[in-house]
Amino acid sequence: MKIYRSFLIVILMITSTLVTAQTKAEMLAQIERQTKTIDSLKAITANQENIIESRDRSIKFLNEDITKLGVEKEELNAKIRQKNGELITLRNNNKLGTAVKVTMNNTRATWTVPAGKHWIVNQVMADYITDLHRDSLGNMVGKEVHVFLKSVNNVILTDATKNQLGPQLYSSSSPNHTIQFPLLLTENTTFTIVIFKGSYNALEPYDGNVVCTYFEKEN
């Protein structure tokens, strides 16, 4: 009986040891699996953080681009409004008014734009050459003609005695030196022209006529 009990106790101890050993191995295996799972979750979390950071960066850049586009859009709208205003002004200026042609000379040289109106001067025309004659060699020679603004609202612009030459309205020898037309003259503007013949270093009054064409329009 005692032998049987002793044998039973030994069997139980062996069984307990085997069970304990098996349980420990399983626990270690489970810990290893959990560790791998935790590492995997950490990697997923880190990846998610990178994704979120990248998303936030993209959103930031997108917001900056939207703000920049908004500024550029407003600048373009401002330019469009400016161009529309210029277009309206040009259209108004191009509306037909009363076409006028006047003959000017050095004794009939001062004009005043009426109140409530404005003039758009289109051109000034004069002789191409004057005092035409043959020189000693038989060549035809003459003197060129120049038309200058002498004054605007009593402000002297041209005074040949002081070698002061203002805006040039016409030149038969140097058309590239004249001002650009059309010329806008506002209401109540008083202006005077002066006409010369000869070269720039030897100008003298010219008694011929000048033709000026302009449109007179309501303001």
Protein backbone atom coordinates (compact mmCIF):
# COMPACT_ATOMS: atom_id res chain seq x y z
CA MET A 1 0.00 0.00 0.00
CA LYS A 2 2.81 2.37 0.92
CA ILE A 3 4.62 1.52 -2.30
CA TYR A 4 1.49 2.35 -4.29
CA ARG A 5 1.14 5.69 -2.58
CA SER A 6 4.76 6.55 -3.18
CA PHE A 7 4.40 5.63 -6.83
CA LEU A 8 1.28 7.76 -7.11
CA ILE A 9 3.02 10.72 -5.57
CA VAL A 10 5.92 10.40 -8.03
CA ILE A 11 3.46 10.22 -10.94
CA LEU A 12 1.68 13.35 -9.70
CA MET A 13 4.93 15.25 -9.31
CA ILE A 14 6.06 14.31 -12.82
CA THR A 15 2.67 15.23 -14.22
CA SER A 16 2.71 18.56 -12.33
CA THR A 17 6.21 19.31 -13.63
CA LEU A 18 5.19 18.50 -17.21
CA VAL A 19 2.06 20.61 -16.88
CA THR A 20 4.06 23.48 -15.41
CA ALA A 21 6.68 23.22 -18.13
CA GLN A 22 3.99 23.12 -20.83
CA THR A 23 2.17 26.08 -19.31
CA LYS A 24 5.38 28.13 -19.12
CA ALA A 25 6.22 27.41 -22.77
CA GLU A 26 2.74 28.42 -23.82
CA MET A 27 2.97 31.57 -21.77
CA LEU A 28 6.33 32.44 -23.33
CA ALA A 29 4.90 31.78 -26.77
CA GLN A 30 1.89 33.94 -25.97
CA ILE A 31 4.15 36.71 -24.66
CA GLU A 32 6.17 36.52 -27.87
CA ARG A 33 3.01 36.70 -29.97
CA GLN A 34 1.73 39.66 -27.94
CA THR A 35 5.12 41.36 -28.25
CA LYS A 36 4.98 40.96 -32.03
CA THR A 37 1.41 42.26 -32.01
CA ILE A 38 2.44 45.28 -29.91
CA ASP A 39 5.40 45.98 -32.25
CA SER A 40 3.08 45.70 -35.22
CA LEU A 41 0.57 48.08 -33.61
CA LYS A 42 3.39 50.51 -32.80
CA ALA A 43 4.47 50.42 -36.45
CA ILE A 44 0.88 50.98 -37.57
CA THR A 45 0.53 53.87 -35.08
CA ALA A 46 3.78 55.45 -36.28
CA ASN A 47 2.63 55.09 -39.87
CA GLN A 48 -0.71 56.66 -38.97
CA GLU A 49 1.12 59.55 -37.34
CA ASN A 50 3.18 60.04 -40.49
CA ILE A 51 0.00 59.94 -42.57
CA ILE A 52 -1.68 62.48 -40.28
CA GLU A 53 1.41 64.72 -40.33
CA SER A 54 1.58 64.49 -44.11
CA ARG A 55 -2.15 65.23 -44.34
CA ASP A 56 -1.82 68.25 -42.04
CA ARG A 57 1.13 69.51 -44.08
CA SER A 58 -0.85 69.09 -47.30
CA ILE A 59 -3.82 70.92 -45.78
CA LYS A 60 -1.52 73.74 -44.67
CA PHE A 61 -0.02 74.08 -48.15
CA LEU A 62 -3.48 73.90 -49.68
CA ASN A 63 -4.74 76.68 -47.40
CA GLU A 64 -1.70 78.78 -48.28
CA ASP A 65 -2.36 78.18 -51.98
CA ILE A 66 -6.02 79.11 -51.53
CA THR A 67 -5.01 82.32 -49.75
CA LYS A 68 -2.48 83.11 -52.48
CA LEU A 69 -5.04 82.41 -55.19
CA GLY A 70 -7.51 84.66 -53.40
CA VAL A 71 -4.98 87.52 -53.41
CA GLU A 72 -4.12 86.92 -57.07
CA LYS A 73 -7.82 86.77 -57.92
CA GLU A 74 -8.44 90.12 -56.24
CA GLU A 75 -5.45 91.64 -58.05
CA LEU A 76 -6.77 90.34 -61.37
CA ASN A 77 -10.25 91.66 -60.58
CA ALA A 78 -8.72 95.06 -59.78
CA LYS A 79 -6.87 95.05 -63.13
CA ILE A 80 -10.08 94.01 -64.91
CA ARG A 81 -11.96 96.88 -63.23
CA GLN A 82 -9.18 99.26 -64.24
CA LYS A 83 -9.24 98.06 -67.85
CA ASN A 84 -13.04 98.27 -67.93
CA GLY A 85 -12.78 101.87 -66.72
CA GLU A 86 -10.20 102.64 -69.40
CA LEU A 87 -12.41 100.96 -72.01
CA ILE A 88 -15.42 103.01 -70.95
CA THR A 89 -13.33 106.19 -71.13
CA LEU A 90 -12.06 105.29 -74.59
CA ARG A 91 -15.58 104.50 -75.78
CA ASN A 92 -16.82 107.81 -74.44
CA ASN A 93 -13.93 109.63 -76.09
CA ASN A 94 -14.60 107.86 -79.37
CA LYS A 95 -18.26 108.85 -79.47
CA LEU A 96 -18.80 111.20 -82.32
CA GLY A 97 -18.96 114.84 -81.40
CA THR A 98 -18.97 117.91 -83.60
CA ALA A 99 -16.14 117.73 -86.12
CA VAL A 100 -14.43 121.11 -86.50
CA LYS A 101 -11.74 122.38 -88.84
CA VAL A 102 -10.06 125.71 -88.14
CA THR A 103 -7.37 127.70 -89.87
CA MET A 104 -4.69 129.19 -87.63
CA ASN A 105 -1.77 131.52 -88.17
CA ASN A 106 0.49 133.71 -86.06
CA THR A 107 -2.13 136.48 -85.96
CA ARG A 108 -5.04 134.11 -85.29
CA ALA A 109 -3.35 131.77 -82.86
CA THR A 110 -5.24 131.79 -79.54
CA TRP A 111 -8.22 129.55 -78.76
CA THR A 112 -10.27 128.68 -75.65
CA VAL A 113 -12.21 125.46 -75.07
CA PRO A 114 -15.83 126.33 -74.09
CA ALA A 115 -17.12 125.56 -70.59
CA GLY A 116 -18.87 122.19 -70.29
CA LYS A 117 -17.03 120.81 -73.33
CA HIS A 118 -13.68 119.34 -74.27
CA TRP A 119 -11.72 119.14 -77.49
CA ILE A 120 -9.97 116.13 -78.96
CA VAL A 121 -7.41 117.46 -81.42
CA ASN A 122 -6.75 114.91 -84.16
CA GLN A 123 -4.10 116.58 -86.27
CA VAL A 124 -2.30 119.78 -87.21
CA MET A 125 -1.33 120.29 -90.86
CA ALA A 126 0.92 122.90 -92.42
CA ASP A 127 3.10 123.46 -95.47
CA TYR A 128 5.88 120.98 -96.03
CA ILE A 129 8.32 123.64 -97.24
CA THR A 130 8.25 127.38 -97.87
CA ASP A 131 10.40 130.02 -99.58
CA LEU A 132 11.12 127.46 -102.29
CA HIS A 133 13.78 128.61 -104.81
CA ARG A 134 16.76 127.44 -106.79
CA ASP A 135 20.22 127.84 -105.38
CA SER A 136 23.34 128.76 -107.35
CA LEU A 137 23.65 125.16 -108.50
CA GLY A 138 20.11 125.02 -109.76
CA ASN A 139 18.83 122.81 -106.90
CA MET A 140 15.41 123.49 -105.40
CA VAL A 141 15.80 124.50 -101.75
CA GLY A 142 13.50 125.96 -99.13
CA LYS A 143 12.73 126.23 -95.44
CA GLU A 144 10.88 123.65 -93.36
CA VAL A 145 7.84 124.57 -91.27
CA HIS A 146 7.34 123.96 -87.53
CA VAL A 147 4.31 124.51 -85.28
CA PHE A 148 4.70 124.73 -81.50
CA LEU A 149 2.43 125.26 -78.53
CA LYS A 150 3.38 128.75 -77.42
CA SER A 151 1.39 128.79 -74.17
CA VAL A 152 -1.32 126.96 -72.22
CA ASN A 153 -3.42 128.97 -69.77
CA ASN A 154 -0.88 131.82 -69.96
CA VAL A 155 2.05 129.55 -69.14
CA ILE A 156 4.76 130.20 -71.72
CA LEU A 157 6.06 127.01 -73.32
CA THR A 158 7.84 128.33 -76.40
CA ASP A 159 9.99 131.44 -76.66
CA ALA A 160 12.44 131.34 -79.58
CA THR A 161 14.21 134.49 -78.34
CA LYS A 162 15.26 132.50 -75.27
CA ASN A 163 15.95 129.28 -77.20
CA GLN A 164 12.96 127.73 -75.44
CA LEU A 165 10.97 125.32 -77.59
CA GLY A 166 7.90 123.62 -76.10
CA PRO A 167 5.67 120.81 -77.38
CA GLN A 168 5.82 120.56 -81.17
CA LEU A 169 2.53 120.02 -82.97
CA TYR A 170 3.93 119.77 -86.48
CA SER A 171 7.31 119.56 -88.19
CA SER A 172 7.90 119.03 -91.90
CA SER A 173 11.51 117.95 -91.31
CA SER A 174 11.26 116.07 -87.99
CA PRO A 175 7.79 114.50 -87.61
CA ASN A 176 9.18 112.08 -85.01
CA HIS A 177 9.78 115.06 -82.71
CA THR A 178 6.10 116.01 -82.55
CA ILE A 179 3.70 115.13 -79.73
CA GLN A 180 1.35 112.17 -80.12
CA PHE A 181 -2.23 112.74 -81.23
CA PRO A 182 -5.08 112.77 -80.33
CA LEU A 183 -4.57 115.63 -77.89
CA LEU A 184 -7.22 116.16 -75.19
CA LEU A 185 -7.93 119.73 -74.13
CA THR A 186 -10.30 120.17 -71.17
CA GLU A 187 -12.92 122.86 -70.69
CA ASN A 188 -11.76 126.49 -70.27
CA THR A 189 -8.27 125.63 -71.53
CA THR A 190 -6.74 128.56 -73.39
CA PHE A 191 -3.86 127.78 -75.71
CA THR A 192 -1.77 129.65 -78.26
CA ILE A 193 0.30 128.30 -81.13
CA VAL A 194 3.32 129.79 -82.90
CA ILE A 195 4.52 128.94 -86.41
CA PHE A 196 8.14 129.09 -87.56
CA LYS A 197 10.07 128.43 -90.73
CA GLY A 198 13.71 127.44 -91.11
CA SER A 199 16.02 125.15 -89.19
CA TYR A 200 15.90 124.87 -85.39
CA ASN A 201 18.98 127.03 -84.97
CA ALA A 202 17.62 129.77 -87.23
CA LEU A 203 13.87 129.93 -86.65
CA GLU A 204 11.87 132.89 -87.91
CA PRO A 205 8.11 133.60 -87.89
CA TYR A 206 6.11 132.08 -90.71
CA ASP A 207 3.15 134.01 -92.12
CA GLY A 208 1.43 130.97 -93.64
CA ASN A 209 -1.61 129.11 -92.34
CA VAL A 210 -2.07 125.96 -90.28
CA VAL A 211 -5.12 123.69 -90.43
CA CYS A 212 -6.29 122.02 -87.22
CA THR A 213 -9.05 119.42 -86.96
CA TYR A 214 -10.72 118.41 -83.70
CA PHE A 215 -13.92 117.03 -82.17
CA GLU A 216 -15.86 119.15 -79.71
CA LYS A 217 -17.72 117.01 -77.15
CA GLU A 218 -19.91 117.52 -74.12
CA ASN A 219 -18.32 116.65 -70.78
